[in-house]
Amino acid sequence: MLALGLFLSIHASNALPSQDVAIHIVTAEQGHLRQLQRDEAELLFLGRRTTAADGTPVILIDLPAGPIRDRFYLLLTGKNPQQTRAYWSRQVFTGRARPPLEAHSIEQAIEWLLQTPGTVAYLPASNGDARLRVLMRLQ
């Protein structure tokens, strides 16, 4: 029993995203958005809104499942990975919302940001790029 508890605690701690990774919500430097407020970003990334405050449509990009995505949703919405998956399963099943487009990599997310007007994504702060504008910082 003790060994099982130790195994589960070690496994659970490895599954949690790093607590020191800062994440930025970004768009292309030439994009129309200048900043996002926390509540607006949360509404967008939970599918409760599809437009910016000025009514402009926004296309959202998710990173692949993993520690960065898990940390992003935890910081922005307070939802852990299981809660986030359950939330999106309900939204899709009921037809209320569609989840953000999922990029296969950080590089693909950046490419989409630069090629498609109105796209918004989150990236580790360490992936700064002069062609991108930081709309919001999460730490």
Protein backbone atom coordinates (compact mmCIF):
# COMPACT_ATOMS: atom_id res chain seq x y z
CA MET A 1 0.00 0.00 0.00
CA LEU A 2 2.82 2.40 0.87
CA ALA A 3 4.62 1.59 -2.38
CA LEU A 4 1.45 2.27 -4.37
CA GLY A 5 0.99 5.63 -2.64
CA LEU A 6 4.62 6.58 -3.33
CA PHE A 7 4.29 5.56 -6.99
CA LEU A 8 1.10 7.59 -7.43
CA SER A 9 2.55 10.68 -5.78
CA ILE A 10 5.69 10.56 -7.93
CA HIS A 11 3.65 9.95 -11.09
CA ALA A 12 1.23 12.78 -10.26
CA SER A 13 4.03 15.26 -9.62
CA ASN A 14 5.65 14.41 -12.96
CA ALA A 15 2.35 14.94 -14.76
CA LEU A 16 1.91 18.48 -13.44
CA PRO A 17 3.18 21.31 -15.60
CA SER A 18 6.18 23.26 -14.40
CA GLN A 19 5.15 25.93 -11.93
CA ASP A 20 7.74 28.42 -13.15
CA VAL A 21 6.77 28.60 -16.84
CA ALA A 22 5.44 32.03 -17.77
CA ILE A 23 2.93 31.99 -20.61
CA HIS A 24 1.99 34.80 -22.98
CA ILE A 25 -1.20 35.14 -24.97
CA VAL A 26 -0.10 36.49 -28.35
CA THR A 27 -1.21 37.56 -31.80
CA ALA A 28 0.61 38.80 -34.91
CA GLU A 29 2.25 42.20 -34.49
CA GLN A 30 0.15 43.50 -37.41
CA GLY A 31 -3.06 42.16 -35.85
CA HIS A 32 -5.95 44.34 -34.74
CA LEU A 33 -5.88 43.29 -31.07
CA ARG A 34 -3.72 45.39 -28.77
CA GLN A 35 -4.39 43.66 -25.44
CA LEU A 36 -6.75 41.26 -23.70
CA GLN A 37 -8.21 41.52 -20.25
CA ARG A 38 -8.16 38.34 -18.18
CA ASP A 39 -11.94 37.88 -18.19
CA GLU A 40 -12.10 38.40 -21.97
CA ALA A 41 -9.31 35.86 -22.55
CA GLU A 42 -11.07 33.34 -20.31
CA LEU A 43 -14.36 33.76 -22.17
CA LEU A 44 -12.60 33.30 -25.50
CA PHE A 45 -10.58 30.24 -24.52
CA LEU A 46 -13.62 28.60 -22.92
CA GLY A 47 -15.66 29.10 -26.09
CA ARG A 48 -18.13 31.46 -24.44
CA ARG A 49 -17.20 34.22 -26.89
CA THR A 50 -15.90 34.10 -30.44
CA THR A 51 -15.22 37.79 -30.91
CA ALA A 52 -13.01 40.42 -29.33
CA ALA A 53 -14.56 43.23 -27.31
CA ASP A 54 -14.89 45.30 -30.49
CA GLY A 55 -16.82 42.51 -32.25
CA THR A 56 -13.97 41.33 -34.46
CA PRO A 57 -13.92 37.53 -34.90
CA VAL A 58 -11.05 35.74 -33.16
CA ILE A 59 -9.57 32.38 -34.17
CA LEU A 60 -7.99 30.60 -31.20
CA ILE A 61 -5.05 28.21 -31.32
CA ASP A 62 -4.28 25.56 -28.71
CA LEU A 63 -0.89 23.95 -28.31
CA PRO A 64 -0.71 20.15 -28.31
CA ALA A 65 -1.82 18.36 -25.14
CA GLY A 66 0.96 18.55 -22.59
CA PRO A 67 2.42 20.60 -19.75
CA ILE A 68 2.26 24.01 -21.46
CA ARG A 69 -1.41 23.65 -22.38
CA ASP A 70 -2.22 22.26 -18.94
CA ARG A 71 -0.47 25.18 -17.24
CA PHE A 72 -2.16 27.72 -19.50
CA TYR A 73 -5.69 26.53 -18.70
CA LEU A 74 -4.87 26.20 -15.01
CA LEU A 75 -3.52 29.76 -14.87
CA LEU A 76 -6.29 31.30 -16.98
CA THR A 77 -9.37 29.33 -15.92
CA GLY A 78 -8.38 27.50 -12.75
CA LYS A 79 -9.24 24.19 -14.44
CA ASN A 80 -6.86 21.24 -14.21
CA PRO A 81 -6.32 19.02 -17.30
CA GLN A 82 -9.14 16.61 -16.43
CA GLN A 83 -11.58 19.46 -15.82
CA THR A 84 -10.57 21.14 -19.07
CA ARG A 85 -11.09 17.93 -21.08
CA ALA A 86 -14.46 17.31 -19.40
CA TYR A 87 -15.53 20.90 -20.03
CA TRP A 88 -14.71 20.71 -23.74
CA SER A 89 -16.34 17.30 -24.08
CA ARG A 90 -19.59 18.78 -22.74
CA GLN A 91 -19.33 21.89 -24.94
CA VAL A 92 -18.76 19.86 -28.10
CA PHE A 93 -21.37 17.21 -27.25
CA THR A 94 -24.07 19.81 -26.61
CA GLY A 95 -23.05 21.90 -29.63
CA ARG A 96 -22.43 25.01 -27.52
CA ALA A 97 -18.87 25.64 -28.65
CA ARG A 98 -15.95 24.28 -30.59
CA PRO A 99 -12.50 24.08 -29.03
CA PRO A 100 -9.59 26.11 -30.37
CA LEU A 101 -7.69 24.77 -33.38
CA GLU A 102 -4.89 22.50 -32.19
CA ALA A 103 -1.44 23.18 -33.58
CA HIS A 104 0.96 20.25 -33.76
CA SER A 105 3.81 22.35 -32.37
CA ILE A 106 4.80 25.79 -31.14
CA GLU A 107 6.33 26.44 -34.55
CA GLN A 108 3.05 25.63 -36.32
CA ALA A 109 1.13 27.89 -33.90
CA ILE A 110 3.50 30.77 -34.70
CA GLU A 111 3.13 30.10 -38.44
CA TRP A 112 -0.68 30.20 -38.13
CA LEU A 113 -0.51 33.41 -36.09
CA LEU A 114 1.56 35.09 -38.79
CA GLN A 115 -0.49 33.81 -41.73
CA THR A 116 -4.07 34.19 -40.51
CA PRO A 117 -5.44 37.54 -39.37
CA GLY A 118 -7.36 37.45 -36.11
CA THR A 119 -5.60 34.44 -34.62
CA VAL A 120 -4.68 34.33 -30.95
CA ALA A 121 -2.57 31.70 -29.21
CA TYR A 122 -0.59 31.15 -26.03
CA LEU A 123 3.12 30.39 -25.96
CA PRO A 124 5.78 29.94 -23.31
CA ALA A 125 7.33 33.35 -22.66
CA SER A 126 10.67 31.87 -23.71
CA ASN A 127 9.33 31.61 -27.29
CA GLY A 128 9.26 35.36 -27.80
CA ASP A 129 9.22 36.51 -31.40
CA ALA A 130 9.47 40.11 -32.61
CA ARG A 131 6.72 39.36 -35.16
CA LEU A 132 4.25 38.67 -32.32
CA ARG A 133 2.48 41.05 -29.93
CA VAL A 134 1.96 39.99 -26.32
CA LEU A 135 -1.68 40.59 -25.40
CA MET A 136 -1.50 39.23 -21.87
CA ARG A 137 1.02 37.64 -19.51
CA LEU A 138 0.23 34.72 -17.22
CA GLN A 139 2.62 33.66 -14.48
